Amino acid sequence: MHAKKFIDDVVASNASLLALYAQGSEGQTRLGALLDELALAEGQRQQILALIKLAIDDATYQLVCGIEGSASLGDSQQDYTLLDEEGNTLTGALDALLYERLNP
């Protein structure tokens, strides 16, 4: 796996999670069920889903920056090395790649 493929998979995972939330109770997530309980108008529901997407993207970006050492994870800031099962190093540009994907 290469860094770009890893970031593609992360972005796809985030999109899948958001899609589950958008299904409400049918998506079998706690957040989706709570979203249904709000009984929002469709426009409001879409606004909330847009906010949830931003939160997911921000949290993912913060985590990736923490792995890259460009931001802290908790109270420590250091570089980590992320390897795939074949020993390929994925870290080194993940934060930049993710930023590009989230901010086209």
PDB file of N, CA and C in Angstrom:
ATOM      1  N   MET A   1       0.857  -1.178   0.000  1.00  0.00           N
ATOM      2  CA  MET A   1       0.000   0.000   0.000  1.00  0.00           C
ATOM      3  C   MET A   1       0.894   1.229   0.000  1.00  0.00           C
ATOM      4  N   HIS A   2       0.409   2.263  -0.638  1.00  0.00           N
ATOM      5  CA  HIS A   2       1.117   3.539  -0.668  1.00  0.00           C
ATOM      6  C   HIS A   2       0.325   4.553   0.146  1.00  0.00           C
ATOM      7  N   ALA A   3       0.968   5.653   0.500  1.00  0.00           N
ATOM      8  CA  ALA A   3       0.339   6.684   1.330  1.00  0.00           C
ATOM      9  C   ALA A   3      -0.955   7.188   0.695  1.00  0.00           C
ATOM     10  N   LYS A   4      -0.961   7.405  -0.620  1.00  0.00           N
ATOM     11  CA  LYS A   4      -2.166   7.910  -1.292  1.00  0.00           C
ATOM     12  C   LYS A   4      -3.320   6.926  -1.151  1.00  0.00           C
ATOM     13  N   LYS A   5      -3.042   5.650  -1.312  1.00  0.00           N
ATOM     14  CA  LYS A   5      -4.079   4.619  -1.168  1.00  0.00           C
ATOM     15  C   LYS A   5      -4.609   4.597   0.261  1.00  0.00           C
ATOM     16  N   PHE A   6      -3.713   4.736   1.229  1.00  0.00           N
ATOM     17  CA  PHE A   6      -4.128   4.775   2.625  1.00  0.00           C
ATOM     18  C   PHE A   6      -5.077   5.944   2.862  1.00  0.00           C
ATOM     19  N   ILE A   7      -4.731   7.116   2.366  1.00  0.00           N
ATOM     20  CA  ILE A   7      -5.586   8.297   2.540  1.00  0.00           C
ATOM     21  C   ILE A   7      -6.896   8.110   1.790  1.00  0.00           C
ATOM     22  N   ASP A   8      -6.858   7.526   0.599  1.00  0.00           N
ATOM     23  CA  ASP A   8      -8.102   7.231  -0.126  1.00  0.00           C
ATOM     24  C   ASP A   8      -9.013   6.342   0.718  1.00  0.00           C
ATOM     25  N   ASP A   9      -8.426   5.351   1.369  1.00  0.00           N
ATOM     26  CA  ASP A   9      -9.203   4.442   2.209  1.00  0.00           C
ATOM     27  C   ASP A   9      -9.760   5.151   3.442  1.00  0.00           C
ATOM     28  N   VAL A  10      -8.977   6.047   4.031  1.00  0.00           N
ATOM     29  CA  VAL A  10      -9.447   6.821   5.184  1.00  0.00           C
ATOM     30  C   VAL A  10     -10.631   7.699   4.780  1.00  0.00           C
ATOM     31  N   VAL A  11     -10.516   8.382   3.655  1.00  0.00           N
ATOM     32  CA  VAL A  11     -11.598   9.252   3.183  1.00  0.00           C
ATOM     33  C   VAL A  11     -12.843   8.423   2.874  1.00  0.00           C
ATOM     34  N   ALA A  12     -12.661   7.262   2.261  1.00  0.00           N
ATOM     35  CA  ALA A  12     -13.795   6.383   1.961  1.00  0.00           C
ATOM     36  C   ALA A  12     -14.453   5.885   3.247  1.00  0.00           C
ATOM     37  N   SER A  13     -13.650   5.581   4.248  1.00  0.00           N
ATOM     38  CA  SER A  13     -14.187   5.140   5.529  1.00  0.00           C
ATOM     39  C   SER A  13     -15.015   6.247   6.183  1.00  0.00           C
ATOM     40  N   ASN A  14     -14.521   7.470   6.133  1.00  0.00           N
ATOM     41  CA  ASN A  14     -15.275   8.604   6.672  1.00  0.00           C
ATOM     42  C   ASN A  14     -16.600   8.783   5.935  1.00  0.00           C
ATOM     43  N   ALA A  15     -16.574   8.658   4.609  1.00  0.00           N
ATOM     44  CA  ALA A  15     -17.791   8.798   3.816  1.00  0.00           C
ATOM     45  C   ALA A  15     -18.793   7.694   4.163  1.00  0.00           C
ATOM     46  N   SER A  16     -18.289   6.487   4.376  1.00  0.00           N
ATOM     47  CA  SER A  16     -19.154   5.366   4.742  1.00  0.00           C
ATOM     48  C   SER A  16     -19.804   5.606   6.102  1.00  0.00           C
ATOM     49  N   LEU A  17     -19.031   6.108   7.041  1.00  0.00           N
ATOM     50  CA  LEU A  17     -19.560   6.406   8.367  1.00  0.00           C
ATOM     51  C   LEU A  17     -20.646   7.477   8.285  1.00  0.00           C
ATOM     52  N   LEU A  18     -20.400   8.530   7.524  1.00  0.00           N
ATOM     53  CA  LEU A  18     -21.392   9.585   7.363  1.00  0.00           C
ATOM     54  C   LEU A  18     -22.664   9.037   6.713  1.00  0.00           C
ATOM     55  N   ALA A  19     -22.505   8.154   5.733  1.00  0.00           N
ATOM     56  CA  ALA A  19     -23.669   7.553   5.076  1.00  0.00           C
ATOM     57  C   ALA A  19     -24.498   6.744   6.065  1.00  0.00           C
ATOM     58  N   LEU A  20     -23.841   6.041   6.973  1.00  0.00           N
ATOM     59  CA  LEU A  20     -24.575   5.296   8.006  1.00  0.00           C
ATOM     60  C   LEU A  20     -25.343   6.247   8.914  1.00  0.00           C
ATOM     61  N   TYR A  21     -24.704   7.331   9.321  1.00  0.00           N
ATOM     62  CA  TYR A  21     -25.392   8.321  10.152  1.00  0.00           C
ATOM     63  C   TYR A  21     -26.609   8.892   9.430  1.00  0.00           C
ATOM     64  N   ALA A  22     -26.448   9.156   8.147  1.00  0.00           N
ATOM     65  CA  ALA A  22     -27.529   9.759   7.361  1.00  0.00           C
ATOM     66  C   ALA A  22     -28.741   8.840   7.251  1.00  0.00           C
ATOM     67  N   GLN A  23     -28.530   7.538   7.400  1.00  0.00           N
ATOM     68  CA  GLN A  23     -29.640   6.583   7.336  1.00  0.00           C
ATOM     69  C   GLN A  23     -30.500   6.607   8.587  1.00  0.00           C
ATOM     70  N   GLY A  24     -30.070   7.372   9.574  1.00  0.00           N
ATOM     71  CA  GLY A  24     -30.824   7.412  10.818  1.00  0.00           C
ATOM     72  C   GLY A  24     -30.781   6.065  11.514  1.00  0.00           C
ATOM     73  N   SER A  25     -31.902   5.666  12.092  1.00  0.00           N
ATOM     74  CA  SER A  25     -31.968   4.389  12.823  1.00  0.00           C
ATOM     75  C   SER A  25     -31.654   3.200  11.933  1.00  0.00           C
ATOM     76  N   GLU A  26     -31.957   3.304  10.649  1.00  0.00           N
ATOM     77  CA  GLU A  26     -31.709   2.195   9.727  1.00  0.00           C
ATOM     78  C   GLU A  26     -30.221   1.932   9.536  1.00  0.00           C
ATOM     79  N   GLY A  27     -29.387   2.941   9.777  1.00  0.00           N
ATOM     80  CA  GLY A  27     -27.950   2.763   9.656  1.00  0.00           C
ATOM     81  C   GLY A  27     -27.339   2.050  10.842  1.00  0.00           C
ATOM     82  N   GLN A  28     -28.159   1.786  11.844  1.00  0.00           N
ATOM     83  CA  GLN A  28     -27.772   1.043  13.036  1.00  0.00           C
ATOM     84  C   GLN A  28     -26.590   1.679  13.769  1.00  0.00           C
ATOM     85  N   THR A  29     -26.606   3.018  13.837  1.00  0.00           N
ATOM     86  CA  THR A  29     -25.624   3.731  14.652  1.00  0.00           C
ATOM     87  C   THR A  29     -26.382   4.506  15.718  1.00  0.00           C
ATOM     88  N   ARG A  30     -25.747   4.693  16.821  1.00  0.00           N
ATOM     89  CA  ARG A  30     -26.375   5.462  17.902  1.00  0.00           C
ATOM     90  C   ARG A  30     -26.621   6.902  17.465  1.00  0.00           C
ATOM     91  N   LEU A  31     -25.637   7.492  16.773  1.00  0.00           N
ATOM     92  CA  LEU A  31     -25.798   8.870  16.314  1.00  0.00           C
ATOM     93  C   LEU A  31     -26.963   8.984  15.330  1.00  0.00           C
ATOM     94  N   GLY A  32     -27.081   8.043  14.414  1.00  0.00           N
ATOM     95  CA  GLY A  32     -28.178   8.065  13.461  1.00  0.00           C
ATOM     96  C   GLY A  32     -29.534   7.972  14.142  1.00  0.00           C
ATOM     97  N   ALA A  33     -29.627   7.115  15.143  1.00  0.00           N
ATOM     98  CA  ALA A  33     -30.879   6.974  15.888  1.00  0.00           C
ATOM     99  C   ALA A  33     -31.211   8.275  16.615  1.00  0.00           C
ATOM    100  N   LEU A  34     -30.210   8.899  17.224  1.00  0.00           N
ATOM    101  CA  LEU A  34     -30.445  10.174  17.910  1.00  0.00           C
ATOM    102  C   LEU A  34     -30.836  11.268  16.928  1.00  0.00           C
ATOM    103  N   LEU A  35     -30.271  11.219  15.739  1.00  0.00           N
ATOM    104  CA  LEU A  35     -30.621  12.181  14.703  1.00  0.00           C
ATOM    105  C   LEU A  35     -32.093  12.037  14.322  1.00  0.00           C
ATOM    106  N   ASP A  36     -32.570  10.804  14.194  1.00  0.00           N
ATOM    107  CA  ASP A  36     -33.987  10.573  13.911  1.00  0.00           C
ATOM    108  C   ASP A  36     -34.876  11.124  15.017  1.00  0.00           C
ATOM    109  N   GLU A  37     -34.449  10.958  16.264  1.00  0.00           N
ATOM    110  CA  GLU A  37     -35.250  11.423  17.400  1.00  0.00           C
ATOM    111  C   GLU A  37     -35.440  12.945  17.395  1.00  0.00           C
ATOM    112  N   LEU A  38     -34.540  13.666  16.740  1.00  0.00           N
ATOM    113  CA  LEU A  38     -34.682  15.127  16.682  1.00  0.00           C
ATOM    114  C   LEU A  38     -35.837  15.564  15.785  1.00  0.00           C
ATOM    115  N   ALA A  39     -36.271  14.680  14.901  1.00  0.00           N
ATOM    116  CA  ALA A  39     -37.392  14.964  13.991  1.00  0.00           C
ATOM    117  C   ALA A  39     -37.218  16.306  13.287  1.00  0.00           C
ATOM    118  N   LEU A  40     -36.064  16.476  12.655  1.00  0.00           N
ATOM    119  CA  LEU A  40     -35.741  17.717  11.966  1.00  0.00           C
ATOM    120  C   LEU A  40     -36.383  17.775  10.586  1.00  0.00           C
ATOM    121  N   ALA A  41     -36.600  18.983  10.111  1.00  0.00           N
ATOM    122  CA  ALA A  41     -36.983  19.171   8.709  1.00  0.00           C
ATOM    123  C   ALA A  41     -35.795  18.735   7.855  1.00  0.00           C
ATOM    124  N   GLU A  42     -36.043  18.350   6.618  1.00  0.00           N
ATOM    125  CA  GLU A  42     -34.982  17.812   5.762  1.00  0.00           C
ATOM    126  C   GLU A  42     -33.812  18.789   5.614  1.00  0.00           C
ATOM    127  N   GLY A  43     -34.093  20.063   5.461  1.00  0.00           N
ATOM    128  CA  GLY A  43     -33.023  21.054   5.341  1.00  0.00           C
ATOM    129  C   GLY A  43     -32.166  21.122   6.589  1.00  0.00           C
ATOM    130  N   GLN A  44     -32.810  21.058   7.738  1.00  0.00           N
ATOM    131  CA  GLN A  44     -32.065  21.073   8.998  1.00  0.00           C
ATOM    132  C   GLN A  44     -31.235  19.805   9.153  1.00  0.00           C
ATOM    133  N   ARG A  45     -31.822  18.688   8.758  1.00  0.00           N
ATOM    134  CA  ARG A  45     -31.099  17.411   8.846  1.00  0.00           C
ATOM    135  C   ARG A  45     -29.838  17.461   7.983  1.00  0.00           C
ATOM    136  N   GLN A  46     -29.953  18.023   6.788  1.00  0.00           N
ATOM    137  CA  GLN A  46     -28.790  18.136   5.899  1.00  0.00           C
ATOM    138  C   GLN A  46     -27.724  19.057   6.493  1.00  0.00           C
ATOM    139  N   GLN A  47     -28.151  20.115   7.163  1.00  0.00           N
ATOM    140  CA  GLN A  47     -27.196  21.012   7.819  1.00  0.00           C
ATOM    141  C   GLN A  47     -26.458  20.281   8.946  1.00  0.00           C
ATOM    142  N   ILE A  48     -27.189  19.503   9.725  1.00  0.00           N
ATOM    143  CA  ILE A  48     -26.568  18.737  10.806  1.00  0.00           C
ATOM    144  C   ILE A  48     -25.590  17.712  10.236  1.00  0.00           C
ATOM    145  N   LEU A  49     -25.981  17.036   9.160  1.00  0.00           N
ATOM    146  CA  LEU A  49     -25.079  16.065   8.535  1.00  0.00           C
ATOM    147  C   LEU A  49     -23.825  16.744   7.996  1.00  0.00           C
ATOM    148  N   ALA A  50     -23.969  17.959   7.470  1.00  0.00           N
ATOM    149  CA  ALA A  50     -22.799  18.703   6.997  1.00  0.00           C
ATOM    150  C   ALA A  50     -21.867  19.038   8.169  1.00  0.00           C
ATOM    151  N   LEU A  51     -22.446  19.385   9.305  1.00  0.00           N
ATOM    152  CA  LEU A  51     -21.634  19.656  10.498  1.00  0.00           C
ATOM    153  C   LEU A  51     -20.943  18.385  10.991  1.00  0.00           C
ATOM    154  N   ILE A  52     -21.656  17.272  10.949  1.00  0.00           N
ATOM    155  CA  ILE A  52     -21.069  15.998  11.362  1.00  0.00           C
ATOM    156  C   ILE A  52     -19.900  15.647  10.446  1.00  0.00           C
ATOM    157  N   LYS A  53     -20.074  15.869   9.136  1.00  0.00           N
ATOM    158  CA  LYS A  53     -18.982  15.614   8.183  1.00  0.00           C
ATOM    159  C   LYS A  53     -17.766  16.454   8.535  1.00  0.00           C
ATOM    160  N   LEU A  54     -17.981  17.731   8.823  1.00  0.00           N
ATOM    161  CA  LEU A  54     -16.860  18.590   9.210  1.00  0.00           C
ATOM    162  C   LEU A  54     -16.161  18.065  10.462  1.00  0.00           C
ATOM    163  N   ALA A  55     -16.935  17.624  11.434  1.00  0.00           N
ATOM    164  CA  ALA A  55     -16.357  17.103  12.675  1.00  0.00           C
ATOM    165  C   ALA A  55     -15.543  15.831  12.411  1.00  0.00           C
ATOM    166  N   ILE A  56     -16.077  14.940  11.590  1.00  0.00           N
ATOM    167  CA  ILE A  56     -15.354  13.709  11.248  1.00  0.00           C
ATOM    168  C   ILE A  56     -14.056  14.057  10.529  1.00  0.00           C
ATOM    169  N   ASP A  57     -14.143  14.945   9.548  1.00  0.00           N
ATOM    170  CA  ASP A  57     -12.955  15.337   8.788  1.00  0.00           C
ATOM    171  C   ASP A  57     -11.925  16.011   9.680  1.00  0.00           C
ATOM    172  N   ASP A  58     -12.367  16.919  10.547  1.00  0.00           N
ATOM    173  CA  ASP A  58     -11.435  17.612  11.452  1.00  0.00           C
ATOM    174  C   ASP A  58     -10.753  16.632  12.399  1.00  0.00           C
ATOM    175  N   ALA A  59     -11.530  15.718  12.966  1.00  0.00           N
ATOM    176  CA  ALA A  59     -10.958  14.739  13.906  1.00  0.00           C
ATOM    177  C   ALA A  59      -9.959  13.833  13.188  1.00  0.00           C
ATOM    178  N   THR A  60     -10.291  13.416  11.988  1.00  0.00           N
ATOM    179  CA  THR A  60      -9.389  12.557  11.224  1.00  0.00           C
ATOM    180  C   THR A  60      -8.109  13.297  10.872  1.00  0.00           C
ATOM    181  N   TYR A  61      -8.250  14.545  10.444  1.00  0.00           N
ATOM    182  CA  TYR A  61      -7.079  15.336  10.085  1.00  0.00           C
ATOM    183  C   TYR A  61      -6.185  15.552  11.310  1.00  0.00           C
ATOM    184  N   GLN A  62      -6.800  15.845  12.454  1.00  0.00           N
ATOM    185  CA  GLN A  62      -6.024  16.040  13.689  1.00  0.00           C
ATOM    186  C   GLN A  62      -5.266  14.765  14.054  1.00  0.00           C
ATOM    187  N   LEU A  63      -5.905  13.626  13.925  1.00  0.00           N
ATOM    188  CA  LEU A  63      -5.255  12.356  14.231  1.00  0.00           C
ATOM    189  C   LEU A  63      -4.088  12.088  13.274  1.00  0.00           C
ATOM    190  N   VAL A  64      -4.318  12.308  11.989  1.00  0.00           N
ATOM    191  CA  VAL A  64      -3.257  12.082  11.002  1.00  0.00           C
ATOM    192  C   VAL A  64      -2.091  13.043  11.249  1.00  0.00           C
ATOM    193  N   CYS A  65      -2.393  14.300  11.558  1.00  0.00           N
ATOM    194  CA  CYS A  65      -1.324  15.254  11.886  1.00  0.00           C
ATOM    195  C   CYS A  65      -0.572  14.810  13.134  1.00  0.00           C
ATOM    196  N   GLY A  66      -1.282  14.244  14.089  1.00  0.00           N
ATOM    197  CA  GLY A  66      -0.635  13.724  15.285  1.00  0.00           C
ATOM    198  C   GLY A  66       0.295  12.574  14.974  1.00  0.00           C
ATOM    199  N   ILE A  67      -0.111  11.698  14.084  1.00  0.00           N
ATOM    200  CA  ILE A  67       0.743  10.581  13.667  1.00  0.00           C
ATOM    201  C   ILE A  67       1.982  11.103  12.949  1.00  0.00           C
ATOM    202  N   GLU A  68       1.800  12.124  12.125  1.00  0.00           N
ATOM    203  CA  GLU A  68       2.914  12.706  11.369  1.00  0.00           C
ATOM    204  C   GLU A  68       3.833  13.559  12.243  1.00  0.00           C
ATOM    205  N   GLY A  69       3.368  13.915  13.434  1.00  0.00           N
ATOM    206  CA  GLY A  69       4.184  14.731  14.323  1.00  0.00           C
ATOM    207  C   GLY A  69       4.017  16.227  14.109  1.00  0.00           C
ATOM    208  N   SER A  70       3.091  16.621  13.229  1.00  0.00           N
ATOM    209  CA  SER A  70       2.861  18.047  12.983  1.00  0.00           C
ATOM    210  C   SER A  70       1.837  18.638  13.952  1.00  0.00           C
ATOM    211  N   ALA A  71       1.267  17.811  14.800  1.00  0.00           N
ATOM    212  CA  ALA A  71       0.351  18.244  15.859  1.00  0.00           C
ATOM    213  C   ALA A  71       0.506  17.258  17.014  1.00  0.00           C
ATOM    214  N   SER A  72       0.008  17.641  18.160  1.00  0.00           N
ATOM    215  CA  SER A  72       0.135  16.749  19.315  1.00  0.00           C
ATOM    216  C   SER A  72      -1.038  15.772  19.359  1.00  0.00           C
ATOM    217  N   LEU A  73      -0.772  14.627  19.932  1.00  0.00           N
ATOM    218  CA  LEU A  73      -1.804  13.661  20.290  1.00  0.00           C
ATOM    219  C   LEU A  73      -1.849  13.687  21.808  1.00  0.00           C
ATOM    220  N   GLY A  74      -2.935  14.195  22.344  1.00  0.00           N
ATOM    221  CA  GLY A  74      -2.990  14.366  23.789  1.00  0.00           C
ATOM    222  C   GLY A  74      -1.982  15.414  24.209  1.00  0.00           C
ATOM    223  N   ASP A  75      -1.106  15.060  25.124  1.00  0.00           N
ATOM    224  CA  ASP A  75      -0.137  16.031  25.608  1.00  0.00           C
ATOM    225  C   ASP A  75       1.274  15.767  25.086  1.00  0.00           C
ATOM    226  N   SER A  76       1.400  14.912  24.067  1.00  0.00           N
ATOM    227  CA  SER A  76       2.737  14.679  23.505  1.00  0.00           C
ATOM    228  C   SER A  76       2.713  14.899  21.997  1.00  0.00           C
ATOM    229  N   GLN A  77       3.836  15.389  21.511  1.00  0.00           N
ATOM    230  CA  GLN A  77       3.995  15.594  20.080  1.00  0.00           C
ATOM    231  C   GLN A  77       5.283  14.924  19.650  1.00  0.00           C
ATOM    232  N   GLN A  78       5.145  13.942  18.784  1.00  0.00           N
ATOM    233  CA  GLN A  78       6.304  13.228  18.266  1.00  0.00           C
ATOM    234  C   GLN A  78       5.935  12.605  16.932  1.00  0.00           C
ATOM    235  N   ASP A  79       6.947  12.241  16.175  1.00  0.00           N
ATOM    236  CA  ASP A  79       6.726  11.570  14.901  1.00  0.00           C
ATOM    237  C   ASP A  79       6.492  10.082  15.155  1.00  0.00           C
ATOM    238  N   TYR A  80       5.532   9.531  14.444  1.00  0.00           N
ATOM    239  CA  TYR A  80       5.291   8.092  14.480  1.00  0.00           C
ATOM    240  C   TYR A  80       5.553   7.555  13.081  1.00  0.00           C
ATOM    241  N   THR A  81       5.851   6.291  12.993  1.00  0.00           N
ATOM    242  CA  THR A  81       6.031   5.647  11.703  1.00  0.00           C
ATOM    243  C   THR A  81       4.915   4.630  11.532  1.00  0.00           C
ATOM    244  N   LEU A  82       4.158   4.793  10.477  1.00  0.00           N
ATOM    245  CA  LEU A  82       3.065   3.890  10.166  1.00  0.00           C
ATOM    246  C   LEU A  82       3.512   2.995   9.011  1.00  0.00           C
ATOM    247  N   LEU A  83       3.479   1.699   9.242  1.00  0.00           N
ATOM    248  CA  LEU A  83       3.901   0.717   8.246  1.00  0.00           C
ATOM    249  C   LEU A  83       2.721  -0.161   7.861  1.00  0.00           C
ATOM    250  N   ASP A  84       2.677  -0.565   6.589  1.00  0.00           N
ATOM    251  CA  ASP A  84       1.669  -1.553   6.213  1.00  0.00           C
ATOM    252  C   ASP A  84       2.228  -2.946   6.517  1.00  0.00           C
ATOM    253  N   GLU A  85       1.448  -3.976   6.253  1.00  0.00           N
ATOM    254  CA  GLU A  85       1.875  -5.328   6.622  1.00  0.00           C
ATOM    255  C   GLU A  85       3.060  -5.827   5.791  1.00  0.00           C
ATOM    256  N   GLU A  86       3.341  -5.142   4.683  1.00  0.00           N
ATOM    257  CA  GLU A  86       4.501  -5.517   3.864  1.00  0.00           C
ATOM    258  C   GLU A  86       5.750  -4.725   4.248  1.00  0.00           C
ATOM    259  N   GLY A  87       5.628  -3.854   5.250  1.00  0.00           N
ATOM    260  CA  GLY A  87       6.768  -3.078   5.712  1.00  0.00           C
ATOM    261  C   GLY A  87       6.958  -1.751   5.010  1.00  0.00           C
ATOM    262  N   ASN A  88       6.020  -1.382   4.131  1.00  0.00           N
ATOM    263  CA  ASN A  88       6.109  -0.087   3.452  1.00  0.00           C
ATOM    264  C   ASN A  88       5.766   1.029   4.430  1.00  0.00           C
ATOM    265  N   THR A  89       6.588   2.073   4.441  1.00  0.00           N
ATOM    266  CA  THR A  89       6.327   3.229   5.290  1.00  0.00           C
ATOM    267  C   THR A  89       5.276   4.114   4.627  1.00  0.00           C
ATOM    268  N   LEU A  90       4.216   4.414   5.377  1.00  0.00           N
ATOM    269  CA  LEU A  90       3.131   5.230   4.844  1.00  0.00           C
ATOM    270  C   LEU A  90       3.252   6.679   5.298  1.00  0.00           C
ATOM    271  N   THR A  91       3.870   6.908   6.423  1.00  0.00           N
ATOM    272  CA  THR A  91       3.963   8.255   6.970  1.00  0.00           C
ATOM    273  C   THR A  91       5.009   9.081   6.233  1.00  0.00           C
ATOM    274  N   GLY A  92       4.873  10.382   6.402  1.00  0.00           N
ATOM    275  CA  GLY A  92       5.799  11.311   5.777  1.00  0.00           C
ATOM    276  C   GLY A  92       5.091  12.366   4.967  1.00  0.00           C
ATOM    277  N   ALA A  93       3.910  12.036   4.476  1.00  0.00           N
ATOM    278  CA  ALA A  93       3.145  13.006   3.697  1.00  0.00           C
ATOM    279  C   ALA A  93       1.644  12.834   3.909  1.00  0.00           C
ATOM    280  N   LEU A  94       1.257  12.019   4.872  1.00  0.00           N
ATOM    281  CA  LEU A  94      -0.168  11.728   5.062  1.00  0.00           C
ATOM    282  C   LEU A  94      -0.982  12.986   5.344  1.00  0.00           C
ATOM    283  N   ASP A  95      -0.457  13.872   6.194  1.00  0.00           N
ATOM    284  CA  ASP A  95      -1.217  15.073   6.534  1.00  0.00           C
ATOM    285  C   ASP A  95      -1.461  15.938   5.309  1.00  0.00           C
ATOM    286  N   ALA A  96      -0.451  16.095   4.461  1.00  0.00           N
ATOM    287  CA  ALA A  96      -0.615  16.899   3.245  1.00  0.00           C
ATOM    288  C   ALA A  96      -1.593  16.240   2.269  1.00  0.00           C
ATOM    289  N   LEU A  97      -1.480  14.923   2.121  1.00  0.00           N
ATOM    290  CA  LEU A  97      -2.391  14.211   1.231  1.00  0.00           C
ATOM    291  C   LEU A  97      -3.839  14.313   1.705  1.00  0.00           C
ATOM    292  N   LEU A  98      -4.041  14.159   2.997  1.00  0.00           N
ATOM    293  CA  LEU A  98      -5.402  14.250   3.528  1.00  0.00           C
ATOM    294  C   LEU A  98      -5.942  15.669   3.395  1.00  0.00           C
ATOM    295  N   TYR A  99      -5.104  16.653   3.672  1.00  0.00           N
ATOM    296  CA  TYR A  99      -5.530  18.046   3.513  1.00  0.00           C
ATOM    297  C   TYR A  99      -6.013  18.311   2.098  1.00  0.00           C
ATOM    298  N   GLU A 100      -5.249  17.834   1.118  1.00  0.00           N
ATOM    299  CA  GLU A 100      -5.635  18.010  -0.284  1.00  0.00           C
ATOM    300  C   GLU A 100      -6.969  17.349  -0.585  1.00  0.00           C
ATOM    301  N   ARG A 101      -7.210  16.172  -0.029  1.00  0.00           N
ATOM    302  CA  ARG A 101      -8.474  15.463  -0.279  1.00  0.00           C
ATOM    303  C   ARG A 101      -9.659  16.158   0.395  1.00  0.00           C
ATOM    304  N   LEU A 102      -9.432  16.731   1.573  1.00  0.00           N
ATOM    305  CA  LEU A 102     -10.522  17.363   2.312  1.00  0.00           C
ATOM    306  C   LEU A 102     -10.785  18.790   1.870  1.00  0.00           C
ATOM    307  N   ASN A 103      -9.830  19.394   1.167  1.00  0.00           N
ATOM    308  CA  ASN A 103      -9.948  20.796   0.747  1.00  0.00           C
ATOM    309  C   ASN A 103      -9.630  20.922  -0.741  1.00  0.00           C
ATOM    310  N   PRO A 104     -10.471  20.348  -1.580  1.00  0.00           N
ATOM    311  CA  PRO A 104     -10.188  20.366  -3.030  1.00  0.00           C
ATOM    312  C   PRO A 104     -10.250  21.765  -3.626  1.00  0.00           C
TER     313      PRO A 104
END
